Amino acid sequence: MFLRCLKNCEEFIAGDDSILREILHPDKTNVAVRYSLAYAKVKPGEKTRPHRLRSTEVYYIFEGQGMMHIGQESQEVGAGCVVYIPPEAVQFIENIGKKDLKFLCIVEPAWREEDEEILE
């Protein structure tokens, strides 16, 4: 059995300026998955830096209010929303609420630094 608790995952600032905790990554754990899973947080009034990945990404928002930007499109998101981000799409998310915006990031194939381009 593989079990990992969020509280035991080290918090760090990601390249896009989100506050991240990497929960699951096939290169860093002994699990046979092709995706990576991270917990992300954006503070009120802040936003991530525009970036793009070579991989597919999915956000599952579970707390807070945000504005998701993908390419030329923008849409408000909140708890219970799932956002699909296609490969190579320029994206960022901003917290438009009064509390932390919290979401899970699923990247498939698993996130690699060389597959991400920070644009600003």
C-alpha atoms as a PDB file:
ATOM      1  CA  MET A   1       0.000   0.000   0.000  1.00  0.00           C
ATOM      2  CA  PHE A   2       1.193   3.497  -0.834  1.00  0.00           C
ATOM      3  CA  LEU A   3      -0.053   6.297   1.413  1.00  0.00           C
ATOM      4  CA  ARG A   4       1.070   9.898   1.512  1.00  0.00           C
ATOM      5  CA  CYS A   5      -0.396  12.677   3.644  1.00  0.00           C
ATOM      6  CA  LEU A   6      -0.441  16.270   2.412  1.00  0.00           C
ATOM      7  CA  LYS A   7       0.968  17.537   5.724  1.00  0.00           C
ATOM      8  CA  ASN A   8       4.116  15.480   5.055  1.00  0.00           C
ATOM      9  CA  CYS A   9       4.708  16.990   1.595  1.00  0.00           C
ATOM     10  CA  GLU A  10       7.173  19.865   1.558  1.00  0.00           C
ATOM     11  CA  GLU A  11       5.733  23.242   0.553  1.00  0.00           C
ATOM     12  CA  PHE A  12       7.644  25.341  -2.005  1.00  0.00           C
ATOM     13  CA  ILE A  13       7.125  28.169  -4.488  1.00  0.00           C
ATOM     14  CA  ALA A  14       6.712  26.777  -8.004  1.00  0.00           C
ATOM     15  CA  GLY A  15       8.073  28.403 -11.154  1.00  0.00           C
ATOM     16  CA  ASP A  16       4.651  29.940 -11.813  1.00  0.00           C
ATOM     17  CA  ASP A  17       4.634  31.469  -8.276  1.00  0.00           C
ATOM     18  CA  SER A  18       1.940  29.164  -6.891  1.00  0.00           C
ATOM     19  CA  ILE A  19       2.515  27.575  -3.490  1.00  0.00           C
ATOM     20  CA  LEU A  20       2.895  23.883  -4.241  1.00  0.00           C
ATOM     21  CA  ARG A  21       3.137  20.535  -2.481  1.00  0.00           C
ATOM     22  CA  GLU A  22       4.017  17.608  -4.717  1.00  0.00           C
ATOM     23  CA  ILE A  23       1.910  14.652  -3.620  1.00  0.00           C
ATOM     24  CA  LEU A  24       2.659  12.023  -6.238  1.00  0.00           C
ATOM     25  CA  HIS A  25       5.277  11.790  -8.981  1.00  0.00           C
ATOM     26  CA  PRO A  26       6.421   8.554 -10.642  1.00  0.00           C
ATOM     27  CA  ASP A  27      10.081   9.672 -10.628  1.00  0.00           C
ATOM     28  CA  LYS A  28      10.032  10.381  -6.892  1.00  0.00           C
ATOM     29  CA  THR A  29       7.870   7.587  -5.505  1.00  0.00           C
ATOM     30  CA  ASN A  30       7.662   3.870  -6.074  1.00  0.00           C
ATOM     31  CA  VAL A  31       4.278   3.896  -7.816  1.00  0.00           C
ATOM     32  CA  ALA A  32       3.435   2.861 -11.362  1.00  0.00           C
ATOM     33  CA  VAL A  33       1.586   5.941 -12.644  1.00  0.00           C
ATOM     34  CA  ARG A  34       2.238   8.138 -15.691  1.00  0.00           C
ATOM     35  CA  TYR A  35       0.865  11.341 -14.161  1.00  0.00           C
ATOM     36  CA  SER A  36       1.890  13.662 -11.351  1.00  0.00           C
ATOM     37  CA  LEU A  37      -0.394  15.088  -8.678  1.00  0.00           C
ATOM     38  CA  ALA A  38       0.222  18.310  -6.761  1.00  0.00           C
ATOM     39  CA  TYR A  39      -1.673  20.479  -4.288  1.00  0.00           C
ATOM     40  CA  ALA A  40      -1.560  24.172  -5.214  1.00  0.00           C
ATOM     41  CA  LYS A  41      -2.500  27.362  -3.406  1.00  0.00           C
ATOM     42  CA  VAL A  42      -2.767  30.976  -4.577  1.00  0.00           C
ATOM     43  CA  LYS A  43      -3.223  33.722  -1.966  1.00  0.00           C
ATOM     44  CA  PRO A  44      -6.031  36.329  -2.256  1.00  0.00           C
ATOM     45  CA  GLY A  45      -5.263  39.016  -4.824  1.00  0.00           C
ATOM     46  CA  GLU A  46      -2.387  37.029  -6.345  1.00  0.00           C
ATOM     47  CA  LYS A  47      -2.059  35.083  -9.599  1.00  0.00           C
ATOM     48  CA  THR A  48       0.267  32.570 -11.155  1.00  0.00           C
ATOM     49  CA  ARG A  49       2.681  33.610 -13.866  1.00  0.00           C
ATOM     50  CA  PRO A  50       1.594  32.893 -17.447  1.00  0.00           C
ATOM     51  CA  HIS A  51       3.132  29.601 -18.534  1.00  0.00           C
ATOM     52  CA  ARG A  52       2.612  26.591 -20.744  1.00  0.00           C
ATOM     53  CA  LEU A  53       3.316  22.889 -20.462  1.00  0.00           C
ATOM     54  CA  ARG A  54       3.978  20.269 -23.117  1.00  0.00           C
ATOM     55  CA  SER A  55       1.709  17.977 -21.076  1.00  0.00           C
ATOM     56  CA  THR A  56      -2.029  17.908 -20.472  1.00  0.00           C
ATOM     57  CA  GLU A  57      -3.043  19.440 -17.162  1.00  0.00           C
ATOM     58  CA  VAL A  58      -6.248  19.270 -15.131  1.00  0.00           C
ATOM     59  CA  TYR A  59      -7.108  21.497 -12.170  1.00  0.00           C
ATOM     60  CA  TYR A  60      -9.685  20.426  -9.598  1.00  0.00           C
ATOM     61  CA  ILE A  61     -10.702  23.464  -7.552  1.00  0.00           C
ATOM     62  CA  PHE A  62     -11.816  22.576  -4.036  1.00  0.00           C
ATOM     63  CA  GLU A  63     -11.717  25.906  -2.184  1.00  0.00           C
ATOM     64  CA  GLY A  64     -11.857  29.601  -3.037  1.00  0.00           C
ATOM     65  CA  GLN A  65     -12.765  31.657  -6.097  1.00  0.00           C
ATOM     66  CA  GLY A  66     -10.568  32.190  -9.112  1.00  0.00           C
ATOM     67  CA  MET A  67     -10.403  33.394 -12.676  1.00  0.00           C
ATOM     68  CA  MET A  68      -8.869  30.814 -15.009  1.00  0.00           C
ATOM     69  CA  HIS A  69      -7.166  32.101 -18.140  1.00  0.00           C
ATOM     70  CA  ILE A  70      -6.354  29.735 -21.017  1.00  0.00           C
ATOM     71  CA  GLY A  71      -5.254  31.313 -24.279  1.00  0.00           C
ATOM     72  CA  GLN A  72      -7.715  34.121 -25.038  1.00  0.00           C
ATOM     73  CA  GLU A  73     -10.465  32.640 -22.826  1.00  0.00           C
ATOM     74  CA  SER A  74     -11.206  33.463 -19.172  1.00  0.00           C
ATOM     75  CA  GLN A  75     -13.781  31.939 -16.865  1.00  0.00           C
ATOM     76  CA  GLU A  76     -14.588  32.162 -13.179  1.00  0.00           C
ATOM     77  CA  VAL A  77     -13.977  28.956 -11.220  1.00  0.00           C
ATOM     78  CA  GLY A  78     -14.790  27.815  -7.704  1.00  0.00           C
ATOM     79  CA  ALA A  79     -15.140  24.755  -5.498  1.00  0.00           C
ATOM     80  CA  GLY A  80     -16.156  21.681  -7.472  1.00  0.00           C
ATOM     81  CA  CYS A  81     -14.929  22.983 -10.851  1.00  0.00           C
ATOM     82  CA  VAL A  82     -12.631  20.939 -13.074  1.00  0.00           C
ATOM     83  CA  VAL A  83     -10.515  22.738 -15.686  1.00  0.00           C
ATOM     84  CA  TYR A  84      -8.880  20.932 -18.620  1.00  0.00           C
ATOM     85  CA  ILE A  85      -5.749  22.655 -19.938  1.00  0.00           C
ATOM     86  CA  PRO A  86      -4.521  21.306 -23.277  1.00  0.00           C
ATOM     87  CA  PRO A  87      -0.814  20.875 -24.028  1.00  0.00           C
ATOM     88  CA  GLU A  88       1.006  24.064 -25.106  1.00  0.00           C
ATOM     89  CA  ALA A  89      -1.860  26.342 -23.967  1.00  0.00           C
ATOM     90  CA  VAL A  90      -0.770  29.588 -22.319  1.00  0.00           C
ATOM     91  CA  GLN A  91      -2.432  29.635 -18.906  1.00  0.00           C
ATOM     92  CA  PHE A  92      -2.583  31.252 -15.510  1.00  0.00           C
ATOM     93  CA  ILE A  93      -5.053  31.436 -12.644  1.00  0.00           C
ATOM     94  CA  GLU A  94      -5.798  34.367 -10.353  1.00  0.00           C
ATOM     95  CA  ASN A  95      -7.397  34.394  -6.940  1.00  0.00           C
ATOM     96  CA  ILE A  96     -10.360  36.790  -7.029  1.00  0.00           C
ATOM     97  CA  GLY A  97     -11.719  35.799  -3.632  1.00  0.00           C
ATOM     98  CA  LYS A  98     -11.029  36.703  -0.019  1.00  0.00           C
ATOM     99  CA  LYS A  99      -9.482  33.368   1.033  1.00  0.00           C
ATOM    100  CA  ASP A 100      -6.846  31.042  -0.384  1.00  0.00           C
ATOM    101  CA  LEU A 101      -7.621  29.450  -3.752  1.00  0.00           C
ATOM    102  CA  LYS A 102      -6.800  25.739  -3.365  1.00  0.00           C
ATOM    103  CA  PHE A 103      -6.730  23.145  -6.124  1.00  0.00           C
ATOM    104  CA  LEU A 104      -5.200  19.874  -7.250  1.00  0.00           C
ATOM    105  CA  CYS A 105      -3.058  19.764 -10.390  1.00  0.00           C
ATOM    106  CA  ILE A 106      -2.893  16.558 -12.390  1.00  0.00           C
ATOM    107  CA  VAL A 107      -0.269  16.539 -15.158  1.00  0.00           C
ATOM    108  CA  GLU A 108      -0.079  13.705 -17.712  1.00  0.00           C
ATOM    109  CA  PRO A 109       2.489  12.657 -18.623  1.00  0.00           C
ATOM    110  CA  ALA A 110       4.059  13.587 -15.303  1.00  0.00           C
ATOM    111  CA  TRP A 111       5.395  17.141 -14.867  1.00  0.00           C
ATOM    112  CA  ARG A 112       9.034  17.726 -15.785  1.00  0.00           C
ATOM    113  CA  GLU A 113      10.852  21.042 -15.486  1.00  0.00           C
ATOM    114  CA  GLU A 114      12.014  20.911 -19.106  1.00  0.00           C
ATOM    115  CA  ASP A 115       8.368  20.620 -20.257  1.00  0.00           C
ATOM    116  CA  GLU A 116       7.320  23.925 -18.662  1.00  0.00           C
ATOM    117  CA  GLU A 117       7.913  27.397 -20.066  1.00  0.00           C
ATOM    118  CA  ILE A 118       7.353  30.416 -17.811  1.00  0.00           C
ATOM    119  CA  LEU A 119       6.394  33.356 -20.035  1.00  0.00           C
ATOM    120  CA  GLU A 120       6.634  36.398 -17.710  1.00  0.00           C
END
